[in-house]
C-alpha atoms as a PDB file:
ATOM      1  CA  UNK A   1      23.384  16.396  -4.315  1.00  0.00           C
ATOM      2  CA  UNK A   2      23.754  15.764  -0.602  1.00  0.00           C
ATOM      3  CA  UNK A   3      20.494  15.569   1.333  1.00  0.00           C
ATOM      4  CA  UNK A   4      22.250  17.406   4.170  1.00  0.00           C
ATOM      5  CA  UNK A   5      22.887  20.395   1.896  1.00  0.00           C
ATOM      6  CA  UNK A   6      19.247  20.452   0.825  1.00  0.00           C
ATOM      7  CA  UNK A   7      18.050  20.278   4.417  1.00  0.00           C
ATOM      8  CA  UNK A   8      20.403  23.037   5.499  1.00  0.00           C
ATOM      9  CA  UNK A   9      19.364  25.309   2.604  1.00  0.00           C
ATOM     10  CA  UNK A  10      15.667  25.069   3.390  1.00  0.00           C
ATOM     11  CA  UNK A  11      15.927  24.596   7.141  1.00  0.00           C
ATOM     12  CA  UNK A  12      14.279  21.176   7.113  1.00  0.00           C
ATOM     13  CA  UNK A  13      14.343  19.130  10.307  1.00  0.00           C
ATOM     14  CA  UNK A  14      13.997  15.921   8.286  1.00  0.00           C
ATOM     15  CA  UNK A  15      13.991  14.883   4.648  1.00  0.00           C
ATOM     16  CA  UNK A  16      10.604  15.821   3.154  1.00  0.00           C
ATOM     17  CA  UNK A  17       8.478  13.503   1.039  1.00  0.00           C
ATOM     18  CA  UNK A  18      10.123  10.404   2.463  1.00  0.00           C
ATOM     19  CA  UNK A  19       8.607   6.953   2.871  1.00  0.00           C
ATOM     20  CA  UNK A  20       9.597   6.350   6.500  1.00  0.00           C
ATOM     21  CA  UNK A  21       6.520   7.900   8.096  1.00  0.00           C
ATOM     22  CA  UNK A  22       4.652   6.550  11.088  1.00  0.00           C
ATOM     23  CA  UNK A  23       0.968   5.851  10.324  1.00  0.00           C
ATOM     24  CA  UNK A  24      -0.087   8.853  12.406  1.00  0.00           C
ATOM     25  CA  UNK A  25       2.025  11.124  10.208  1.00  0.00           C
ATOM     26  CA  UNK A  26       0.415  10.085   6.921  1.00  0.00           C
ATOM     27  CA  UNK A  27      -1.604  12.603   4.938  1.00  0.00           C
ATOM     28  CA  UNK A  28      -5.265  11.679   5.221  1.00  0.00           C
ATOM     29  CA  UNK A  29      -6.999  12.582   1.981  1.00  0.00           C
ATOM     30  CA  UNK A  30     -10.505  11.347   1.221  1.00  0.00           C
ATOM     31  CA  UNK A  31      -9.447   8.304  -0.806  1.00  0.00           C
ATOM     32  CA  UNK A  32      -6.910   7.200   1.805  1.00  0.00           C
ATOM     33  CA  UNK A  33      -9.423   7.576   4.623  1.00  0.00           C
ATOM     34  CA  UNK A  34     -12.085   5.580   2.803  1.00  0.00           C
ATOM     35  CA  UNK A  35      -9.580   2.851   1.934  1.00  0.00           C
ATOM     36  CA  UNK A  36      -8.487   2.515   5.564  1.00  0.00           C
ATOM     37  CA  UNK A  37     -12.115   2.353   6.733  1.00  0.00           C
ATOM     38  CA  UNK A  38     -13.024  -0.318   4.195  1.00  0.00           C
ATOM     39  CA  UNK A  39      -9.914  -2.379   4.906  1.00  0.00           C
ATOM     40  CA  UNK A  40     -10.665  -2.219   8.638  1.00  0.00           C
ATOM     41  CA  UNK A  41     -14.199  -3.498   7.962  1.00  0.00           C
ATOM     42  CA  UNK A  42     -12.820  -6.315   5.808  1.00  0.00           C
ATOM     43  CA  UNK A  43     -10.495  -7.385   8.608  1.00  0.00           C
ATOM     44  CA  UNK A  44     -13.262  -7.228  11.205  1.00  0.00           C
ATOM     45  CA  UNK A  45     -15.437  -9.455   9.006  1.00  0.00           C
ATOM     46  CA  UNK A  46     -12.588 -11.866   8.199  1.00  0.00           C
ATOM     47  CA  UNK A  47     -13.439 -11.301   4.569  1.00  0.00           C
ATOM     48  CA  UNK A  48     -11.601 -11.432   1.260  1.00  0.00           C
ATOM     49  CA  UNK A  49     -10.888  -7.979  -0.129  1.00  0.00           C
ATOM     50  CA  UNK A  50      -9.300  -6.588  -3.285  1.00  0.00           C
ATOM     51  CA  UNK A  51      -7.606  -3.172  -3.174  1.00  0.00           C
ATOM     52  CA  UNK A  52      -6.496  -1.878  -6.556  1.00  0.00           C
ATOM     53  CA  UNK A  53      -4.982   1.312  -7.894  1.00  0.00           C
ATOM     54  CA  UNK A  54      -2.404   2.754 -10.233  1.00  0.00           C
ATOM     55  CA  UNK A  55       1.294   2.478  -9.378  1.00  0.00           C
ATOM     56  CA  UNK A  56       2.049   4.897  -6.553  1.00  0.00           C
ATOM     57  CA  UNK A  57      -1.594   5.572  -5.655  1.00  0.00           C
ATOM     58  CA  UNK A  58      -1.076   4.702  -1.986  1.00  0.00           C
ATOM     59  CA  UNK A  59      -2.579   1.207  -1.813  1.00  0.00           C
ATOM     60  CA  UNK A  60       0.124  -0.292   0.395  1.00  0.00           C
ATOM     61  CA  UNK A  61       0.250   2.846   2.534  1.00  0.00           C
ATOM     62  CA  UNK A  62      -3.485   2.517   3.249  1.00  0.00           C
ATOM     63  CA  UNK A  63      -3.110  -1.166   4.132  1.00  0.00           C
ATOM     64  CA  UNK A  64      -0.180  -0.337   6.421  1.00  0.00           C
ATOM     65  CA  UNK A  65      -2.208   2.369   8.153  1.00  0.00           C
ATOM     66  CA  UNK A  66      -5.142   0.003   8.711  1.00  0.00           C
ATOM     67  CA  UNK A  67      -3.085  -2.957   9.949  1.00  0.00           C
ATOM     68  CA  UNK A  68      -0.815  -0.876  12.196  1.00  0.00           C
ATOM     69  CA  UNK A  69      -3.898   0.380  14.016  1.00  0.00           C
ATOM     70  CA  UNK A  70      -4.906  -3.191  14.932  1.00  0.00           C
ATOM     71  CA  UNK A  71      -4.524  -4.541  18.468  1.00  0.00           C
ATOM     72  CA  UNK A  72      -1.396  -6.693  18.219  1.00  0.00           C
ATOM     73  CA  UNK A  73      -2.621  -8.948  21.033  1.00  0.00           C
ATOM     74  CA  UNK A  74      -5.682  -9.868  18.973  1.00  0.00           C
ATOM     75  CA  UNK A  75      -4.325  -9.889  15.428  1.00  0.00           C
ATOM     76  CA  UNK A  76      -1.514 -11.567  13.502  1.00  0.00           C
ATOM     77  CA  UNK A  77      -0.628  -9.734  10.297  1.00  0.00           C
ATOM     78  CA  UNK A  78       1.184 -11.686   7.572  1.00  0.00           C
ATOM     79  CA  UNK A  79       2.579  -9.592   4.732  1.00  0.00           C
ATOM     80  CA  UNK A  80       3.619 -11.195   1.458  1.00  0.00           C
ATOM     81  CA  UNK A  81       5.326  -8.574  -0.680  1.00  0.00           C
ATOM     82  CA  UNK A  82       6.690 -10.815  -3.426  1.00  0.00           C
ATOM     83  CA  UNK A  83       4.275 -13.213  -5.156  1.00  0.00           C
ATOM     84  CA  UNK A  84       7.192 -14.790  -7.041  1.00  0.00           C
ATOM     85  CA  UNK A  85       7.482 -17.377  -4.225  1.00  0.00           C
ATOM     86  CA  UNK A  86       4.963 -19.568  -6.040  1.00  0.00           C
ATOM     87  CA  UNK A  87       1.973 -21.452  -4.655  1.00  0.00           C
ATOM     88  CA  UNK A  88       4.061 -23.404  -2.166  1.00  0.00           C
ATOM     89  CA  UNK A  89       5.658 -20.176  -0.967  1.00  0.00           C
ATOM     90  CA  UNK A  90       2.309 -18.771   0.136  1.00  0.00           C
ATOM     91  CA  UNK A  91       1.696 -21.743   2.424  1.00  0.00           C
ATOM     92  CA  UNK A  92       5.269 -21.676   3.710  1.00  0.00           C
ATOM     93  CA  UNK A  93       5.052 -17.943   4.471  1.00  0.00           C
ATOM     94  CA  UNK A  94       1.888 -18.468   6.506  1.00  0.00           C
ATOM     95  CA  UNK A  95       3.330 -21.372   8.468  1.00  0.00           C
ATOM     96  CA  UNK A  96       6.598 -19.556   9.168  1.00  0.00           C
ATOM     97  CA  UNK A  97       4.838 -16.346  10.209  1.00  0.00           C
ATOM     98  CA  UNK A  98       2.717 -18.293  12.673  1.00  0.00           C
ATOM     99  CA  UNK A  99       5.742 -19.904  14.299  1.00  0.00           C
ATOM    100  CA  UNK A 100       5.921 -23.238  12.486  1.00  0.00           C
ATOM    101  CA  UNK A 101       8.506 -24.968  10.339  1.00  0.00           C
ATOM    102  CA  UNK A 102       7.108 -25.577   6.834  1.00  0.00           C
ATOM    103  CA  UNK A 103       6.915 -29.205   5.806  1.00  0.00           C
ATOM    104  CA  UNK A 104       8.841 -30.161   2.689  1.00  0.00           C
ATOM    105  CA  UNK A 105       6.108 -31.777   0.625  1.00  0.00           C
ATOM    106  CA  UNK A 106       3.307 -29.528  -0.544  1.00  0.00           C
ATOM    107  CA  UNK A 107       0.716 -32.217   0.188  1.00  0.00           C
ATOM    108  CA  UNK A 108       1.698 -31.996   3.866  1.00  0.00           C
ATOM    109  CA  UNK A 109       2.274 -28.225   3.815  1.00  0.00           C
ATOM    110  CA  UNK A 110      -1.274 -27.351   2.740  1.00  0.00           C
ATOM    111  CA  UNK A 111      -3.029 -28.875   5.779  1.00  0.00           C
ATOM    112  CA  UNK A 112      -0.218 -27.561   7.999  1.00  0.00           C
ATOM    113  CA  UNK A 113      -1.007 -23.994   6.883  1.00  0.00           C
ATOM    114  CA  UNK A 114      -4.743 -24.547   7.354  1.00  0.00           C
ATOM    115  CA  UNK A 115      -4.181 -25.978  10.844  1.00  0.00           C
ATOM    116  CA  UNK A 116      -1.891 -23.082  11.783  1.00  0.00           C
ATOM    117  CA  UNK A 117      -4.550 -20.564  10.741  1.00  0.00           C
ATOM    118  CA  UNK A 118      -7.231 -22.394  12.713  1.00  0.00           C
ATOM    119  CA  UNK A 119      -5.000 -22.739  15.799  1.00  0.00           C
ATOM    120  CA  UNK A 120      -4.132 -19.039  15.808  1.00  0.00           C
ATOM    121  CA  UNK A 121      -7.802 -18.251  16.300  1.00  0.00           C
ATOM    122  CA  UNK A 122      -8.915 -21.187  18.446  1.00  0.00           C
ATOM    123  CA  UNK A 123      -5.911 -21.410  20.766  1.00  0.00           C
ATOM    124  CA  UNK A 124      -4.498 -17.879  20.821  1.00  0.00           C
ATOM    125  CA  UNK A 125      -7.670 -15.915  20.140  1.00  0.00           C
ATOM    126  CA  UNK A 126      -5.962 -13.957  17.368  1.00  0.00           C
ATOM    127  CA  UNK A 127      -7.372 -13.006  13.998  1.00  0.00           C
ATOM    128  CA  UNK A 128      -4.995 -13.600  11.107  1.00  0.00           C
ATOM    129  CA  UNK A 129      -4.757 -10.992   8.361  1.00  0.00           C
ATOM    130  CA  UNK A 130      -2.947 -12.083   5.201  1.00  0.00           C
ATOM    131  CA  UNK A 131      -1.881  -9.172   2.983  1.00  0.00           C
ATOM    132  CA  UNK A 132      -0.665 -10.095  -0.503  1.00  0.00           C
ATOM    133  CA  UNK A 133       0.972  -7.140  -2.236  1.00  0.00           C
ATOM    134  CA  UNK A 134       1.638  -6.945  -5.992  1.00  0.00           C
ATOM    135  CA  UNK A 135      -1.255  -9.388  -6.292  1.00  0.00           C
ATOM    136  CA  UNK A 136      -1.673  -8.631  -9.995  1.00  0.00           C
ATOM    137  CA  UNK A 137       1.435 -10.793 -10.424  1.00  0.00           C
ATOM    138  CA  UNK A 138      -0.151 -13.845  -8.768  1.00  0.00           C
ATOM    139  CA  UNK A 139      -0.426 -16.872 -11.027  1.00  0.00           C
ATOM    140  CA  UNK A 140      -3.719 -18.629 -11.647  1.00  0.00           C
ATOM    141  CA  UNK A 141      -2.548 -21.455  -9.380  1.00  0.00           C
ATOM    142  CA  UNK A 142      -1.745 -19.028  -6.559  1.00  0.00           C
ATOM    143  CA  UNK A 143      -5.152 -17.342  -6.800  1.00  0.00           C
ATOM    144  CA  UNK A 144      -6.817 -20.737  -6.674  1.00  0.00           C
ATOM    145  CA  UNK A 145      -4.730 -21.802  -3.662  1.00  0.00           C
ATOM    146  CA  UNK A 146      -5.775 -18.651  -1.804  1.00  0.00           C
ATOM    147  CA  UNK A 147      -9.413 -19.345  -2.591  1.00  0.00           C
ATOM    148  CA  UNK A 148      -9.116 -22.887  -1.295  1.00  0.00           C
ATOM    149  CA  UNK A 149      -7.513 -21.605   1.909  1.00  0.00           C
ATOM    150  CA  UNK A 150     -10.618 -19.516   2.578  1.00  0.00           C
ATOM    151  CA  UNK A 151     -12.685 -22.719   2.720  1.00  0.00           C
ATOM    152  CA  UNK A 152     -13.049 -23.774   6.344  1.00  0.00           C
ATOM    153  CA  UNK A 153     -15.528 -26.030   8.140  1.00  0.00           C
ATOM    154  CA  UNK A 154     -17.372 -26.897   4.936  1.00  0.00           C
ATOM    155  CA  UNK A 155     -17.448 -23.236   3.903  1.00  0.00           C
ATOM    156  CA  UNK A 156     -19.271 -22.189   7.093  1.00  0.00           C
ATOM    157  CA  UNK A 157     -16.392 -20.279   8.678  1.00  0.00           C
ATOM    158  CA  UNK A 158     -13.660 -17.879   7.586  1.00  0.00           C
ATOM    159  CA  UNK A 159     -10.272 -18.749   9.072  1.00  0.00           C
ATOM    160  CA  UNK A 160      -8.631 -15.415   8.270  1.00  0.00           C
ATOM    161  CA  UNK A 161      -8.995 -12.085   6.520  1.00  0.00           C
ATOM    162  CA  UNK A 162      -7.209 -11.777   3.181  1.00  0.00           C
ATOM    163  CA  UNK A 163      -6.309  -8.609   1.303  1.00  0.00           C
ATOM    164  CA  UNK A 164      -5.159  -8.740  -2.305  1.00  0.00           C
ATOM    165  CA  UNK A 165      -3.390  -5.496  -3.216  1.00  0.00           C
ATOM    166  CA  UNK A 166      -2.474  -4.776  -6.809  1.00  0.00           C
ATOM    167  CA  UNK A 167      -2.730  -2.777  -9.991  1.00  0.00           C
ATOM    168  CA  UNK A 168      -6.033  -2.438 -11.917  1.00  0.00           C
ATOM    169  CA  UNK A 169      -5.209  -5.506 -14.018  1.00  0.00           C
ATOM    170  CA  UNK A 170      -5.904  -7.605 -10.901  1.00  0.00           C
ATOM    171  CA  UNK A 171      -9.518  -6.467 -10.827  1.00  0.00           C
ATOM    172  CA  UNK A 172      -9.950  -7.281 -14.502  1.00  0.00           C
ATOM    173  CA  UNK A 173      -8.285 -10.701 -14.184  1.00  0.00           C
ATOM    174  CA  UNK A 174     -10.551 -11.794 -11.358  1.00  0.00           C
ATOM    175  CA  UNK A 175     -13.578 -10.955 -13.485  1.00  0.00           C
ATOM    176  CA  UNK A 176     -12.543 -13.613 -16.013  1.00  0.00           C
ATOM    177  CA  UNK A 177     -14.728 -16.685 -16.005  1.00  0.00           C
ATOM    178  CA  UNK A 178     -11.900 -18.942 -14.886  1.00  0.00           C
ATOM    179  CA  UNK A 179     -11.864 -17.141 -11.517  1.00  0.00           C
ATOM    180  CA  UNK A 180     -15.640 -17.124 -10.970  1.00  0.00           C
ATOM    181  CA  UNK A 181     -15.388 -19.050  -7.694  1.00  0.00           C
ATOM    182  CA  UNK A 182     -12.845 -16.556  -6.321  1.00  0.00           C
ATOM    183  CA  UNK A 183     -14.788 -13.572  -7.636  1.00  0.00           C
ATOM    184  CA  UNK A 184     -17.917 -14.686  -5.772  1.00  0.00           C
ATOM    185  CA  UNK A 185     -16.012 -14.784  -2.478  1.00  0.00           C
ATOM    186  CA  UNK A 186     -14.796 -11.213  -2.646  1.00  0.00           C
ATOM    187  CA  UNK A 187     -16.694  -8.996  -0.201  1.00  0.00           C
ATOM    188  CA  UNK A 188     -14.637  -5.838  -0.541  1.00  0.00           C
ATOM    189  CA  UNK A 189     -13.569  -4.140  -3.760  1.00  0.00           C
ATOM    190  CA  UNK A 190     -11.975  -0.728  -3.642  1.00  0.00           C
ATOM    191  CA  UNK A 191     -10.100   1.197  -6.310  1.00  0.00           C
ATOM    192  CA  UNK A 192      -7.779   3.866  -4.912  1.00  0.00           C
ATOM    193  CA  UNK A 193      -8.585   7.227  -6.505  1.00  0.00           C
ATOM    194  CA  UNK A 194      -6.035   9.877  -7.409  1.00  0.00           C
ATOM    195  CA  UNK A 195      -5.824  13.014  -5.285  1.00  0.00           C
ATOM    196  CA  UNK A 196      -7.684  16.099  -6.430  1.00  0.00           C
ATOM    197  CA  UNK A 197      -5.756  19.307  -7.090  1.00  0.00           C
ATOM    198  CA  UNK A 198      -6.780  20.617  -3.675  1.00  0.00           C
ATOM    199  CA  UNK A 199      -5.657  17.374  -2.023  1.00  0.00           C
ATOM    200  CA  UNK A 200      -2.312  17.497  -3.829  1.00  0.00           C
ATOM    201  CA  UNK A 201      -1.730  21.007  -2.487  1.00  0.00           C
ATOM    202  CA  UNK A 202      -2.623  19.829   1.003  1.00  0.00           C
ATOM    203  CA  UNK A 203      -0.406  16.776   0.589  1.00  0.00           C
ATOM    204  CA  UNK A 204       2.626  18.882  -0.334  1.00  0.00           C
ATOM    205  CA  UNK A 205       1.970  21.334   2.520  1.00  0.00           C
ATOM    206  CA  UNK A 206       1.554  18.439   4.971  1.00  0.00           C
ATOM    207  CA  UNK A 207       4.896  16.859   4.072  1.00  0.00           C
ATOM    208  CA  UNK A 208       6.694  20.188   4.233  1.00  0.00           C
ATOM    209  CA  UNK A 209       5.196  20.819   7.686  1.00  0.00           C
ATOM    210  CA  UNK A 210       6.479  17.413   8.829  1.00  0.00           C
ATOM    211  CA  UNK A 211       9.933  18.565   7.719  1.00  0.00           C
ATOM    212  CA  UNK A 212       9.629  21.753   9.774  1.00  0.00           C
ATOM    213  CA  UNK A 213       8.368  24.261   7.200  1.00  0.00           C
ATOM    214  CA  UNK A 214       4.753  25.347   7.651  1.00  0.00           C
ATOM    215  CA  UNK A 215       5.129  28.473   5.496  1.00  0.00           C
ATOM    216  CA  UNK A 216       4.515  28.616   1.746  1.00  0.00           C
ATOM    217  CA  UNK A 217       7.366  26.983  -0.144  1.00  0.00           C
ATOM    218  CA  UNK A 218       5.688  26.011  -3.423  1.00  0.00           C
ATOM    219  CA  UNK A 219       3.938  28.554  -5.601  1.00  0.00           C
ATOM    220  CA  UNK A 220       0.389  27.803  -6.760  1.00  0.00           C
ATOM    221  CA  UNK A 221       1.627  27.407 -10.337  1.00  0.00           C
ATOM    222  CA  UNK A 222       4.291  24.918  -9.223  1.00  0.00           C
ATOM    223  CA  UNK A 223       1.748  22.865  -7.281  1.00  0.00           C
ATOM    224  CA  UNK A 224      -0.668  22.894 -10.225  1.00  0.00           C
ATOM    225  CA  UNK A 225       2.035  21.646 -12.600  1.00  0.00           C
ATOM    226  CA  UNK A 226       3.151  18.920 -10.210  1.00  0.00           C
ATOM    227  CA  UNK A 227      -0.446  17.776  -9.764  1.00  0.00           C
ATOM    228  CA  UNK A 228      -1.048  17.715 -13.508  1.00  0.00           C
ATOM    229  CA  UNK A 229       2.073  15.738 -14.372  1.00  0.00           C
ATOM    230  CA  UNK A 230       1.782  13.381 -11.383  1.00  0.00           C
ATOM    231  CA  UNK A 231      -1.943  12.867 -12.056  1.00  0.00           C
ATOM    232  CA  UNK A 232      -2.561  13.168  -8.343  1.00  0.00           C
ATOM    233  CA  UNK A 233      -0.605   9.994  -7.522  1.00  0.00           C
ATOM    234  CA  UNK A 234       1.245  10.409  -4.188  1.00  0.00           C
ATOM    235  CA  UNK A 235       4.481   8.675  -5.168  1.00  0.00           C
ATOM    236  CA  UNK A 236       4.814  10.712  -8.367  1.00  0.00           C
ATOM    237  CA  UNK A 237       4.051  13.877  -6.391  1.00  0.00           C
ATOM    238  CA  UNK A 238       6.840  12.952  -3.965  1.00  0.00           C
ATOM    239  CA  UNK A 239       9.373  12.466  -6.748  1.00  0.00           C
ATOM    240  CA  UNK A 240       8.483  15.683  -8.553  1.00  0.00           C
ATOM    241  CA  UNK A 241       8.402  17.724  -5.357  1.00  0.00           C
ATOM    242  CA  UNK A 242      11.874  16.575  -4.320  1.00  0.00           C
ATOM    243  CA  UNK A 243      13.300  17.282  -7.778  1.00  0.00           C
ATOM    244  CA  UNK A 244      11.623  20.716  -7.756  1.00  0.00           C
ATOM    245  CA  UNK A 245      13.287  21.480  -4.431  1.00  0.00           C
ATOM    246  CA  UNK A 246      16.635  20.473  -5.916  1.00  0.00           C
ATOM    247  CA  UNK A 247      16.032  22.663  -8.973  1.00  0.00           C
ATOM    248  CA  UNK A 248      15.144  25.632  -6.783  1.00  0.00           C
ATOM    249  CA  UNK A 249      18.247  25.047  -4.666  1.00  0.00           C
ATOM    250  CA  UNK A 250      20.432  24.902  -7.767  1.00  0.00           C
ATOM    251  CA  UNK A 251      19.253  28.395  -8.768  1.00  0.00           C
ATOM    252  CA  UNK A 252      19.481  29.683  -5.191  1.00  0.00           C
ATOM    253  CA  UNK A 253      15.740  30.185  -4.797  1.00  0.00           C
ATOM    254  CA  UNK A 254      13.941  30.013  -1.473  1.00  0.00           C
ATOM    255  CA  UNK A 255      10.577  29.290  -3.124  1.00  0.00           C
ATOM    256  CA  UNK A 256       9.788  26.542  -5.602  1.00  0.00           C
ATOM    257  CA  UNK A 257       8.236  28.374  -8.543  1.00  0.00           C
ATOM    258  CA  UNK A 258       6.798  27.089 -11.809  1.00  0.00           C
ATOM    259  CA  UNK A 259      10.226  27.207 -13.474  1.00  0.00           C
ATOM    260  CA  UNK A 260      11.668  24.926 -10.782  1.00  0.00           C
ATOM    261  CA  UNK A 261       8.725  22.549 -11.099  1.00  0.00           C
ATOM    262  CA  UNK A 262       9.093  22.505 -14.879  1.00  0.00           C
ATOM    263  CA  UNK A 263      12.799  21.705 -14.509  1.00  0.00           C
ATOM    264  CA  UNK A 264      11.816  18.791 -12.246  1.00  0.00           C
ATOM    265  CA  UNK A 265       9.360  17.531 -14.839  1.00  0.00           C
ATOM    266  CA  UNK A 266      12.031  17.695 -17.543  1.00  0.00           C
ATOM    267  CA  UNK A 267      14.524  15.860 -15.316  1.00  0.00           C
ATOM    268  CA  UNK A 268      12.130  13.024 -14.470  1.00  0.00           C
ATOM    269  CA  UNK A 269      10.539  12.593 -17.891  1.00  0.00           C
ATOM    270  CA  UNK A 270      13.779  12.828 -19.906  1.00  0.00           C
ATOM    271  CA  UNK A 271      14.892   9.664 -21.661  1.00  0.00           C
END
């Protein structure tokens, strides 16, 4: 179905439940707000932090909100979204992001990355924030390389803030004895909670208002079903809400009722 048809039917000014939202437009539930506050503290302290949560819980959104709010003249944010680059790729990403050309041999690349991090602070007065997404996919070697990077001036100084963002398996992996040295360096641990039923209702209403509809468009029963099936996870709520709107449109309804929500559930959960 054409998005234009859906927007015209409901009178939306933009596509609802989309991902392309400015940080100021994000829905601020309790878990999101606490995550942003803790991430901001971690950055201010140049600490190592671990942010975990289920798929679609809003981890990356919270990190984006916290880093976008930083003063760009005083911070350099490096985002690594694909850990598949290997251990060398982490160093190369840092060097490239800070304006250098990565050296070919890893033995030369490691000190180059360390020097680039130190120079960013000493010469430019900027705090580096390294954000590693999908960090549950990091290999043991990559986790160890990141730990070694946090060593500076005989462990008396932190050269940058580092955020590891991943699924709950990341938290459990780090607790293994083989990662004891890394585990001891972590100063922030936060697990993103799911939204409550009240927060889910507010989340849906917020996104509809952004699309130009501040009136009631989802019945209480529809919202309750969406919350239950999505388990309060924002991304799953988005998907179900959009499919419920499509189902309501298909039956020429102006309100998304429980039947429309149930049709959305069937559509998404069908094999």
